[in-house]
Amino acid sequence: YLTYFDTAITEYFRALDYDYLGEVARTGIDFHTVKSL
């Protein structure tokens, strides 16, 4: 279920046209998961 969630979240940000990896490389800021339910 968490794998399904993680994959869908990646696709959500892709649908927003957000370049996740590009932003991490550009800014040095990434997101850490602190809660999974």
PDB file of all heavy atoms in Angstrom:
ATOM      1  N   TYR A   1       0.837  -1.199   0.000  1.00  0.00           N
ATOM      2  CA  TYR A   1       0.000   0.000   0.000  1.00  0.00           C
ATOM      3  C   TYR A   1       0.872   1.249   0.000  1.00  0.00           C
ATOM      4  O   TYR A   1       0.576   2.224  -0.687  1.00  0.00           O
ATOM      5  CB  TYR A   1      -0.938   0.000   1.206  1.00  0.00           C
ATOM      6  CG  TYR A   1      -2.057  -1.010   1.109  1.00  0.00           C
ATOM      7  CD1 TYR A   1      -1.813  -2.370   1.262  1.00  0.00           C
ATOM      8  CD2 TYR A   1      -3.361  -0.605   0.878  1.00  0.00           C
ATOM      9  CE1 TYR A   1      -2.838  -3.294   1.190  1.00  0.00           C
ATOM     10  CE2 TYR A   1      -4.400  -1.522   0.805  1.00  0.00           C
ATOM     11  CZ  TYR A   1      -4.124  -2.872   0.955  1.00  0.00           C
ATOM     12  OH  TYR A   1      -5.138  -3.781   0.873  1.00  0.00           O
ATOM     13  N   LEU A   2       1.951   1.226   0.772  1.00  0.00           N
ATOM     14  CA  LEU A   2       2.857   2.380   0.795  1.00  0.00           C
ATOM     15  C   LEU A   2       3.570   2.550  -0.546  1.00  0.00           C
ATOM     16  O   LEU A   2       3.831   3.676  -0.975  1.00  0.00           O
ATOM     17  CB  LEU A   2       3.854   2.255   1.935  1.00  0.00           C
ATOM     18  CG  LEU A   2       3.259   2.444   3.328  1.00  0.00           C
ATOM     19  CD1 LEU A   2       4.283   2.099   4.399  1.00  0.00           C
ATOM     20  CD2 LEU A   2       2.726   3.848   3.518  1.00  0.00           C
ATOM     21  N   THR A   3       3.874   1.447  -1.212  1.00  0.00           N
ATOM     22  CA  THR A   3       4.459   1.539  -2.551  1.00  0.00           C
ATOM     23  C   THR A   3       3.462   2.158  -3.519  1.00  0.00           C
ATOM     24  O   THR A   3       3.828   3.018  -4.334  1.00  0.00           O
ATOM     25  CB  THR A   3       4.898   0.149  -3.052  1.00  0.00           C
ATOM     26  OG1 THR A   3       5.859  -0.385  -2.144  1.00  0.00           O
ATOM     27  CG2 THR A   3       5.505   0.228  -4.441  1.00  0.00           C
ATOM     28  N   TYR A   4       2.209   1.745  -3.442  1.00  0.00           N
ATOM     29  CA  TYR A   4       1.173   2.365  -4.280  1.00  0.00           C
ATOM     30  C   TYR A   4       1.086   3.858  -3.988  1.00  0.00           C
ATOM     31  O   TYR A   4       1.010   4.681  -4.906  1.00  0.00           O
ATOM     32  CB  TYR A   4      -0.197   1.730  -4.031  1.00  0.00           C
ATOM     33  CG  TYR A   4      -0.350   0.283  -4.420  1.00  0.00           C
ATOM     34  CD1 TYR A   4      -1.317  -0.498  -3.812  1.00  0.00           C
ATOM     35  CD2 TYR A   4       0.443  -0.325  -5.389  1.00  0.00           C
ATOM     36  CE1 TYR A   4      -1.502  -1.833  -4.155  1.00  0.00           C
ATOM     37  CE2 TYR A   4       0.273  -1.654  -5.734  1.00  0.00           C
ATOM     38  CZ  TYR A   4      -0.709  -2.403  -5.114  1.00  0.00           C
ATOM     39  OH  TYR A   4      -0.882  -3.715  -5.457  1.00  0.00           O
ATOM     40  N   PHE A   5       1.084   4.220  -2.714  1.00  0.00           N
ATOM     41  CA  PHE A   5       1.017   5.633  -2.345  1.00  0.00           C
ATOM     42  C   PHE A   5       2.211   6.406  -2.898  1.00  0.00           C
ATOM     43  O   PHE A   5       2.055   7.475  -3.490  1.00  0.00           O
ATOM     44  CB  PHE A   5       0.968   5.795  -0.822  1.00  0.00           C
ATOM     45  CG  PHE A   5      -0.328   5.405  -0.160  1.00  0.00           C
ATOM     46  CD1 PHE A   5      -0.387   5.333   1.220  1.00  0.00           C
ATOM     47  CD2 PHE A   5      -1.478   5.109  -0.875  1.00  0.00           C
ATOM     48  CE1 PHE A   5      -1.575   4.980   1.871  1.00  0.00           C
ATOM     49  CE2 PHE A   5      -2.661   4.761  -0.243  1.00  0.00           C
ATOM     50  CZ  PHE A   5      -2.711   4.698   1.134  1.00  0.00           C
ATOM     51  N   ASP A   6       3.405   5.863  -2.712  1.00  0.00           N
ATOM     52  CA  ASP A   6       4.612   6.553  -3.167  1.00  0.00           C
ATOM     53  C   ASP A   6       4.608   6.760  -4.677  1.00  0.00           C
ATOM     54  O   ASP A   6       4.930   7.853  -5.163  1.00  0.00           O
ATOM     55  CB  ASP A   6       5.853   5.764  -2.738  1.00  0.00           C
ATOM     56  CG  ASP A   6       7.127   6.509  -3.042  1.00  0.00           C
ATOM     57  OD1 ASP A   6       7.339   7.593  -2.454  1.00  0.00           O
ATOM     58  OD2 ASP A   6       7.904   6.028  -3.877  1.00  0.00           O
ATOM     59  N   THR A   7       4.234   5.743  -5.411  1.00  0.00           N
ATOM     60  CA  THR A   7       4.183   5.861  -6.873  1.00  0.00           C
ATOM     61  C   THR A   7       3.146   6.895  -7.288  1.00  0.00           C
ATOM     62  O   THR A   7       3.409   7.726  -8.169  1.00  0.00           O
ATOM     63  CB  THR A   7       3.863   4.495  -7.512  1.00  0.00           C
ATOM     64  OG1 THR A   7       4.851   3.552  -7.098  1.00  0.00           O
ATOM     65  CG2 THR A   7       3.825   4.579  -9.023  1.00  0.00           C
ATOM     66  N   ALA A   8       1.986   6.863  -6.673  1.00  0.00           N
ATOM     67  CA  ALA A   8       0.926   7.821  -7.017  1.00  0.00           C
ATOM     68  C   ALA A   8       1.339   9.250  -6.669  1.00  0.00           C
ATOM     69  O   ALA A   8       1.021  10.187  -7.415  1.00  0.00           O
ATOM     70  CB  ALA A   8      -0.376   7.438  -6.326  1.00  0.00           C
ATOM     71  N   ILE A   9       2.054   9.440  -5.566  1.00  0.00           N
ATOM     72  CA  ILE A   9       2.541  10.779  -5.212  1.00  0.00           C
ATOM     73  C   ILE A   9       3.514  11.283  -6.267  1.00  0.00           C
ATOM     74  O   ILE A   9       3.458  12.446  -6.687  1.00  0.00           O
ATOM     75  CB  ILE A   9       3.176  10.777  -3.808  1.00  0.00           C
ATOM     76  CG1 ILE A   9       2.098  10.581  -2.739  1.00  0.00           C
ATOM     77  CG2 ILE A   9       3.964  12.055  -3.560  1.00  0.00           C
ATOM     78  CD1 ILE A   9       2.652  10.264  -1.351  1.00  0.00           C
ATOM     79  N   THR A  10       4.414  10.426  -6.720  1.00  0.00           N
ATOM     80  CA  THR A  10       5.338  10.814  -7.799  1.00  0.00           C
ATOM     81  C   THR A  10       4.566  11.256  -9.027  1.00  0.00           C
ATOM     82  O   THR A  10       4.883  12.288  -9.639  1.00  0.00           O
ATOM     83  CB  THR A  10       6.268   9.634  -8.148  1.00  0.00           C
ATOM     84  OG1 THR A  10       7.054   9.314  -6.995  1.00  0.00           O
ATOM     85  CG2 THR A  10       7.182   9.968  -9.322  1.00  0.00           C
ATOM     86  N   GLU A  11       3.539  10.504  -9.385  1.00  0.00           N
ATOM     87  CA  GLU A  11       2.734  10.849 -10.563  1.00  0.00           C
ATOM     88  C   GLU A  11       1.906  12.114 -10.341  1.00  0.00           C
ATOM     89  O   GLU A  11       1.664  12.876 -11.279  1.00  0.00           O
ATOM     90  CB  GLU A  11       1.847   9.671 -10.965  1.00  0.00           C
ATOM     91  CG  GLU A  11       2.630   8.454 -11.413  1.00  0.00           C
ATOM     92  CD  GLU A  11       3.594   8.745 -12.561  1.00  0.00           C
ATOM     93  OE1 GLU A  11       3.254   9.543 -13.456  1.00  0.00           O
ATOM     94  OE2 GLU A  11       4.692   8.164 -12.561  1.00  0.00           O
ATOM     95  N   TYR A  12       1.476  12.350  -9.119  1.00  0.00           N
ATOM     96  CA  TYR A  12       0.758  13.583  -8.770  1.00  0.00           C
ATOM     97  C   TYR A  12       1.639  14.798  -9.089  1.00  0.00           C
ATOM     98  O   TYR A  12       1.202  15.743  -9.748  1.00  0.00           O
ATOM     99  CB  TYR A  12       0.384  13.554  -7.286  1.00  0.00           C
ATOM    100  CG  TYR A  12      -0.168  14.845  -6.729  1.00  0.00           C
ATOM    101  CD1 TYR A  12      -1.540  15.072  -6.700  1.00  0.00           C
ATOM    102  CD2 TYR A  12       0.662  15.816  -6.189  1.00  0.00           C
ATOM    103  CE1 TYR A  12      -2.059  16.240  -6.173  1.00  0.00           C
ATOM    104  CE2 TYR A  12       0.153  16.993  -5.661  1.00  0.00           C
ATOM    105  CZ  TYR A  12      -1.201  17.205  -5.650  1.00  0.00           C
ATOM    106  OH  TYR A  12      -1.707  18.368  -5.127  1.00  0.00           O
ATOM    107  N   PHE A  13       2.890  14.768  -8.612  1.00  0.00           N
ATOM    108  CA  PHE A  13       3.788  15.895  -8.864  1.00  0.00           C
ATOM    109  C   PHE A  13       4.148  16.002 -10.343  1.00  0.00           C
ATOM    110  O   PHE A  13       4.325  17.105 -10.860  1.00  0.00           O
ATOM    111  CB  PHE A  13       5.018  15.834  -7.963  1.00  0.00           C
ATOM    112  CG  PHE A  13       4.700  16.303  -6.564  1.00  0.00           C
ATOM    113  CD1 PHE A  13       4.444  15.393  -5.552  1.00  0.00           C
ATOM    114  CD2 PHE A  13       4.610  17.653  -6.280  1.00  0.00           C
ATOM    115  CE1 PHE A  13       4.113  15.820  -4.277  1.00  0.00           C
ATOM    116  CE2 PHE A  13       4.279  18.104  -5.010  1.00  0.00           C
ATOM    117  CZ  PHE A  13       4.019  17.187  -4.000  1.00  0.00           C
ATOM    118  N   ARG A  14       4.223  14.890 -11.038  1.00  0.00           N
ATOM    119  CA  ARG A  14       4.434  14.920 -12.483  1.00  0.00           C
ATOM    120  C   ARG A  14       3.244  15.604 -13.175  1.00  0.00           C
ATOM    121  O   ARG A  14       3.409  16.413 -14.068  1.00  0.00           O
ATOM    122  CB  ARG A  14       4.641  13.504 -13.022  1.00  0.00           C
ATOM    123  CG  ARG A  14       5.081  13.448 -14.480  1.00  0.00           C
ATOM    124  CD  ARG A  14       5.212  12.021 -15.012  1.00  0.00           C
ATOM    125  NE  ARG A  14       5.748  11.030 -14.105  1.00  0.00           N
ATOM    126  CZ  ARG A  14       7.047  10.820 -13.855  1.00  0.00           C
ATOM    127  NH1 ARG A  14       7.961  11.554 -14.461  1.00  0.00           N
ATOM    128  NH2 ARG A  14       7.431   9.874 -13.026  1.00  0.00           N
ATOM    129  N   ALA A  15       2.025  15.292 -12.718  1.00  0.00           N
ATOM    130  CA  ALA A  15       0.820  15.904 -13.290  1.00  0.00           C
ATOM    131  C   ALA A  15       0.770  17.408 -13.015  1.00  0.00           C
ATOM    132  O   ALA A  15       0.190  18.163 -13.801  1.00  0.00           O
ATOM    133  CB  ALA A  15      -0.433  15.226 -12.738  1.00  0.00           C
ATOM    134  N   LEU A  16       1.382  17.834 -11.914  1.00  0.00           N
ATOM    135  CA  LEU A  16       1.487  19.269 -11.629  1.00  0.00           C
ATOM    136  C   LEU A  16       2.561  19.944 -12.481  1.00  0.00           C
ATOM    137  O   LEU A  16       2.701  21.158 -12.438  1.00  0.00           O
ATOM    138  CB  LEU A  16       1.844  19.501 -10.154  1.00  0.00           C
ATOM    139  CG  LEU A  16       0.752  19.348  -9.124  1.00  0.00           C
ATOM    140  CD1 LEU A  16       1.327  19.544  -7.720  1.00  0.00           C
ATOM    141  CD2 LEU A  16      -0.377  20.331  -9.362  1.00  0.00           C
ATOM    142  N   ASP A  17       3.330  19.146 -13.219  1.00  0.00           N
ATOM    143  CA  ASP A  17       4.466  19.624 -14.002  1.00  0.00           C
ATOM    144  C   ASP A  17       5.563  20.195 -13.099  1.00  0.00           C
ATOM    145  O   ASP A  17       6.201  21.194 -13.406  1.00  0.00           O
ATOM    146  CB  ASP A  17       4.027  20.647 -15.051  1.00  0.00           C
ATOM    147  CG  ASP A  17       5.029  20.784 -16.176  1.00  0.00           C
ATOM    148  OD1 ASP A  17       5.764  19.812 -16.453  1.00  0.00           O
ATOM    149  OD2 ASP A  17       5.104  21.879 -16.783  1.00  0.00           O
ATOM    150  N   TYR A  18       5.759  19.540 -11.956  1.00  0.00           N
ATOM    151  CA  TYR A  18       6.786  19.923 -11.000  1.00  0.00           C
ATOM    152  C   TYR A  18       7.997  19.029 -11.206  1.00  0.00           C
ATOM    153  O   TYR A  18       7.895  17.799 -11.130  1.00  0.00           O
ATOM    154  CB  TYR A  18       6.244  19.763  -9.566  1.00  0.00           C
ATOM    155  CG  TYR A  18       7.243  20.115  -8.498  1.00  0.00           C
ATOM    156  CD1 TYR A  18       7.644  21.437  -8.303  1.00  0.00           C
ATOM    157  CD2 TYR A  18       7.780  19.140  -7.664  1.00  0.00           C
ATOM    158  CE1 TYR A  18       8.559  21.767  -7.308  1.00  0.00           C
ATOM    159  CE2 TYR A  18       8.686  19.456  -6.664  1.00  0.00           C
ATOM    160  CZ  TYR A  18       9.072  20.774  -6.503  1.00  0.00           C
ATOM    161  OH  TYR A  18       9.981  21.091  -5.513  1.00  0.00           O
ATOM    162  N   ASP A  19       9.145  19.640 -11.456  1.00  0.00           N
ATOM    163  CA  ASP A  19      10.381  18.902 -11.696  1.00  0.00           C
ATOM    164  C   ASP A  19      11.051  18.602 -10.352  1.00  0.00           C
ATOM    165  O   ASP A  19      11.963  19.311  -9.921  1.00  0.00           O
ATOM    166  CB  ASP A  19      11.307  19.714 -12.605  1.00  0.00           C
ATOM    167  CG  ASP A  19      12.609  19.007 -12.917  1.00  0.00           C
ATOM    168  OD1 ASP A  19      12.750  17.803 -12.594  1.00  0.00           O
ATOM    169  OD2 ASP A  19      13.502  19.677 -13.475  1.00  0.00           O
ATOM    170  N   TYR A  20      10.596  17.548  -9.700  1.00  0.00           N
ATOM    171  CA  TYR A  20      11.056  17.218  -8.347  1.00  0.00           C
ATOM    172  C   TYR A  20      12.579  17.075  -8.298  1.00  0.00           C
ATOM    173  O   TYR A  20      13.258  17.741  -7.506  1.00  0.00           O
ATOM    174  CB  TYR A  20      10.362  15.934  -7.876  1.00  0.00           C
ATOM    175  CG  TYR A  20      10.624  15.598  -6.441  1.00  0.00           C
ATOM    176  CD1 TYR A  20       9.718  15.925  -5.456  1.00  0.00           C
ATOM    177  CD2 TYR A  20      11.805  14.950  -6.058  1.00  0.00           C
ATOM    178  CE1 TYR A  20       9.954  15.625  -4.130  1.00  0.00           C
ATOM    179  CE2 TYR A  20      12.049  14.645  -4.730  1.00  0.00           C
ATOM    180  CZ  TYR A  20      11.129  14.992  -3.773  1.00  0.00           C
ATOM    181  OH  TYR A  20      11.385  14.703  -2.462  1.00  0.00           O
ATOM    182  N   LEU A  21      13.123  16.190  -9.118  1.00  0.00           N
ATOM    183  CA  LEU A  21      14.576  15.960  -9.082  1.00  0.00           C
ATOM    184  C   LEU A  21      15.354  17.208  -9.485  1.00  0.00           C
ATOM    185  O   LEU A  21      16.417  17.488  -8.913  1.00  0.00           O
ATOM    186  CB  LEU A  21      14.950  14.778  -9.970  1.00  0.00           C
ATOM    187  CG  LEU A  21      14.476  13.411  -9.479  1.00  0.00           C
ATOM    188  CD1 LEU A  21      14.855  12.318 -10.480  1.00  0.00           C
ATOM    189  CD2 LEU A  21      15.034  13.101  -8.102  1.00  0.00           C
ATOM    190  N   GLY A  22      14.840  17.939 -10.435  1.00  0.00           N
ATOM    191  CA  GLY A  22      15.494  19.185 -10.855  1.00  0.00           C
ATOM    192  C   GLY A  22      15.547  20.201  -9.730  1.00  0.00           C
ATOM    193  O   GLY A  22      16.570  20.880  -9.541  1.00  0.00           O
ATOM    194  N   GLU A  23      14.463  20.297  -8.977  1.00  0.00           N
ATOM    195  CA  GLU A  23      14.430  21.240  -7.848  1.00  0.00           C
ATOM    196  C   GLU A  23      15.390  20.819  -6.740  1.00  0.00           C
ATOM    197  O   GLU A  23      16.053  21.658  -6.144  1.00  0.00           O
ATOM    198  CB  GLU A  23      13.004  21.378  -7.304  1.00  0.00           C
ATOM    199  CG  GLU A  23      12.103  22.209  -8.185  1.00  0.00           C
ATOM    200  CD  GLU A  23      12.603  23.637  -8.340  1.00  0.00           C
ATOM    201  OE1 GLU A  23      12.853  24.319  -7.319  1.00  0.00           O
ATOM    202  OE2 GLU A  23      12.748  24.078  -9.499  1.00  0.00           O
ATOM    203  N   VAL A  24      15.461  19.521  -6.472  1.00  0.00           N
ATOM    204  CA  VAL A  24      16.407  19.038  -5.455  1.00  0.00           C
ATOM    205  C   VAL A  24      17.834  19.375  -5.882  1.00  0.00           C
ATOM    206  O   VAL A  24      18.629  19.880  -5.082  1.00  0.00           O
ATOM    207  CB  VAL A  24      16.245  17.522  -5.209  1.00  0.00           C
ATOM    208  CG1 VAL A  24      17.350  16.993  -4.303  1.00  0.00           C
ATOM    209  CG2 VAL A  24      14.868  17.214  -4.622  1.00  0.00           C
ATOM    210  N   ALA A  25      18.161  19.119  -7.140  1.00  0.00           N
ATOM    211  CA  ALA A  25      19.510  19.408  -7.636  1.00  0.00           C
ATOM    212  C   ALA A  25      19.802  20.905  -7.605  1.00  0.00           C
ATOM    213  O   ALA A  25      20.923  21.317  -7.263  1.00  0.00           O
ATOM    214  CB  ALA A  25      19.664  18.865  -9.057  1.00  0.00           C
ATOM    215  N   ARG A  26      18.815  21.708  -7.949  1.00  0.00           N
ATOM    216  CA  ARG A  26      19.000  23.160  -8.022  1.00  0.00           C
ATOM    217  C   ARG A  26      19.099  23.811  -6.641  1.00  0.00           C
ATOM    218  O   ARG A  26      19.923  24.703  -6.429  1.00  0.00           O
ATOM    219  CB  ARG A  26      17.840  23.785  -8.812  1.00  0.00           C
ATOM    220  CG  ARG A  26      18.017  25.257  -9.127  1.00  0.00           C
ATOM    221  CD  ARG A  26      16.842  25.811  -9.924  1.00  0.00           C
ATOM    222  NE  ARG A  26      15.604  25.845  -9.178  1.00  0.00           N
ATOM    223  CZ  ARG A  26      15.307  26.704  -8.205  1.00  0.00           C
ATOM    224  NH1 ARG A  26      16.186  27.597  -7.829  1.00  0.00           N
ATOM    225  NH2 ARG A  26      14.140  26.659  -7.600  1.00  0.00           N
ATOM    226  N   THR A  27      18.279  23.350  -5.684  1.00  0.00           N
ATOM    227  CA  THR A  27      18.177  24.044  -4.392  1.00  0.00           C
ATOM    228  C   THR A  27      18.862  23.331  -3.232  1.00  0.00           C
ATOM    229  O   THR A  27      19.133  23.955  -2.206  1.00  0.00           O
ATOM    230  CB  THR A  27      16.695  24.232  -4.011  1.00  0.00           C
ATOM    231  OG1 THR A  27      16.114  22.934  -3.785  1.00  0.00           O
ATOM    232  CG2 THR A  27      15.931  24.991  -5.081  1.00  0.00           C
ATOM    233  N   GLY A  28      19.081  22.014  -3.353  1.00  0.00           N
ATOM    234  CA  GLY A  28      19.606  21.259  -2.225  1.00  0.00           C
ATOM    235  C   GLY A  28      18.556  20.971  -1.165  1.00  0.00           C
ATOM    236  O   GLY A  28      18.865  20.501  -0.078  1.00  0.00           O
ATOM    237  N   ILE A  29      17.298  21.241  -1.492  1.00  0.00           N
ATOM    238  CA  ILE A  29      16.181  20.990  -0.577  1.00  0.00           C
ATOM    239  C   ILE A  29      15.426  19.760  -1.067  1.00  0.00           C
ATOM    240  O   ILE A  29      15.089  19.664  -2.246  1.00  0.00           O
ATOM    241  CB  ILE A  29      15.208  22.186  -0.544  1.00  0.00           C
ATOM    242  CG1 ILE A  29      15.961  23.477  -0.322  1.00  0.00           C
ATOM    243  CG2 ILE A  29      14.052  21.923   0.411  1.00  0.00           C
ATOM    244  CD1 ILE A  29      16.162  23.940   1.035  1.00  0.00           C
ATOM    245  N   ASP A  30      15.179  18.832  -0.160  1.00  0.00           N
ATOM    246  CA  ASP A  30      14.408  17.637  -0.491  1.00  0.00           C
ATOM    247  C   ASP A  30      13.397  17.416   0.626  1.00  0.00           C
ATOM    248  O   ASP A  30      13.484  18.037   1.683  1.00  0.00           O
ATOM    249  CB  ASP A  30      15.331  16.424  -0.637  1.00  0.00           C
ATOM    250  CG  ASP A  30      14.701  15.279  -1.417  1.00  0.00           C
ATOM    251  OD1 ASP A  30      13.499  15.359  -1.754  1.00  0.00           O
ATOM    252  OD2 ASP A  30      15.401  14.291  -1.670  1.00  0.00           O
ATOM    253  N   PHE A  31      12.449  16.541   0.370  1.00  0.00           N
ATOM    254  CA  PHE A  31      11.439  16.226   1.374  1.00  0.00           C
ATOM    255  C   PHE A  31      11.777  14.907   2.052  1.00  0.00           C
ATOM    256  O   PHE A  31      12.150  13.944   1.391  1.00  0.00           O
ATOM    257  CB  PHE A  31      10.049  16.139   0.724  1.00  0.00           C
ATOM    258  CG  PHE A  31       9.523  17.470   0.307  1.00  0.00           C
ATOM    259  CD1 PHE A  31       9.657  17.914  -0.996  1.00  0.00           C
ATOM    260  CD2 PHE A  31       8.898  18.303   1.224  1.00  0.00           C
ATOM    261  CE1 PHE A  31       9.174  19.155  -1.379  1.00  0.00           C
ATOM    262  CE2 PHE A  31       8.416  19.548   0.853  1.00  0.00           C
ATOM    263  CZ  PHE A  31       8.560  19.975  -0.452  1.00  0.00           C
ATOM    264  N   HIS A  32      11.643  14.882   3.367  1.00  0.00           N
ATOM    265  CA  HIS A  32      11.792  13.662   4.145  1.00  0.00           C
ATOM    266  C   HIS A  32      10.409  13.237   4.630  1.00  0.00           C
ATOM    267  O   HIS A  32       9.632  14.069   5.097  1.00  0.00           O
ATOM    268  CB  HIS A  32      12.684  13.888   5.363  1.00  0.00           C
ATOM    269  CG  HIS A  32      14.116  14.139   5.005  1.00  0.00           C
ATOM    270  ND1 HIS A  32      15.090  14.278   5.959  1.00  0.00           N
ATOM    271  CD2 HIS A  32      14.750  14.271   3.815  1.00  0.00           C
ATOM    272  CE1 HIS A  32      16.261  14.478   5.369  1.00  0.00           C
ATOM    273  NE2 HIS A  32      16.071  14.478   4.072  1.00  0.00           N
ATOM    274  N   THR A  33      10.117  11.963   4.521  1.00  0.00           N
ATOM    275  CA  THR A  33       8.864  11.437   5.052  1.00  0.00           C
ATOM    276  C   THR A  33       8.993  11.326   6.560  1.00  0.00           C
ATOM    277  O   THR A  33       9.921  10.688   7.064  1.00  0.00           O
ATOM    278  CB  THR A  33       8.548  10.062   4.434  1.00  0.00           C
ATOM    279  OG1 THR A  33       8.435  10.204   3.016  1.00  0.00           O
ATOM    280  CG2 THR A  33       7.245   9.498   4.996  1.00  0.00           C
ATOM    281  N   VAL A  34       8.053  11.964   7.281  1.00  0.00           N
ATOM    282  CA  VAL A  34       8.084  11.903   8.749  1.00  0.00           C
ATOM    283  C   VAL A  34       6.886  11.153   9.312  1.00  0.00           C
ATOM    284  O   VAL A  34       6.868  10.821  10.499  1.00  0.00           O
ATOM    285  CB  VAL A  34       8.183  13.314   9.381  1.00  0.00           C
ATOM    286  CG1 VAL A  34       9.481  13.989   8.955  1.00  0.00           C
ATOM    287  CG2 VAL A  34       6.975  14.168   9.042  1.00  0.00           C
ATOM    288  N   LYS A  35       5.891  10.880   8.464  1.00  0.00           N
ATOM    289  CA  LYS A  35       4.740  10.107   8.917  1.00  0.00           C
ATOM    290  C   LYS A  35       4.135   9.366   7.739  1.00  0.00           C
ATOM    291  O   LYS A  35       3.979   9.935   6.659  1.00  0.00           O
ATOM    292  CB  LYS A  35       3.679  11.014   9.533  1.00  0.00           C
ATOM    293  CG  LYS A  35       2.441  10.274  10.037  1.00  0.00           C
ATOM    294  CD  LYS A  35       1.432  11.239  10.642  1.00  0.00           C
ATOM    295  CE  LYS A  35       0.214  10.504  11.147  1.00  0.00           C
ATOM    296  NZ  LYS A  35      -0.787  11.452  11.700  1.00  0.00           N
ATOM    297  N   SER A  36       3.807   8.096   7.965  1.00  0.00           N
ATOM    298  CA  SER A  36       3.085   7.275   6.984  1.00  0.00           C
ATOM    299  C   SER A  36       1.966   6.568   7.733  1.00  0.00           C
ATOM    300  O   SER A  36       2.221   5.898   8.729  1.00  0.00           O
ATOM    301  CB  SER A  36       3.988   6.203   6.370  1.00  0.00           C
ATOM    302  OG  SER A  36       5.058   6.772   5.682  1.00  0.00           O
ATOM    303  N   LEU A  37       0.757   6.713   7.236  1.00  0.00           N
ATOM    304  CA  LEU A  37      -0.394   6.084   7.860  1.00  0.00           C
ATOM    305  C   LEU A  37      -1.209   5.389   6.778  1.00  0.00           C
ATOM    306  O   LEU A  37      -1.465   5.971   5.723  1.00  0.00           O
ATOM    307  CB  LEU A  37      -1.259   7.138   8.552  1.00  0.00           C
ATOM    308  CG  LEU A  37      -2.600   6.677   9.104  1.00  0.00           C
ATOM    309  CD1 LEU A  37      -2.392   5.780  10.314  1.00  0.00           C
ATOM    310  CD2 LEU A  37      -3.462   7.869   9.461  1.00  0.00           C
TER     311      LEU A  37
END
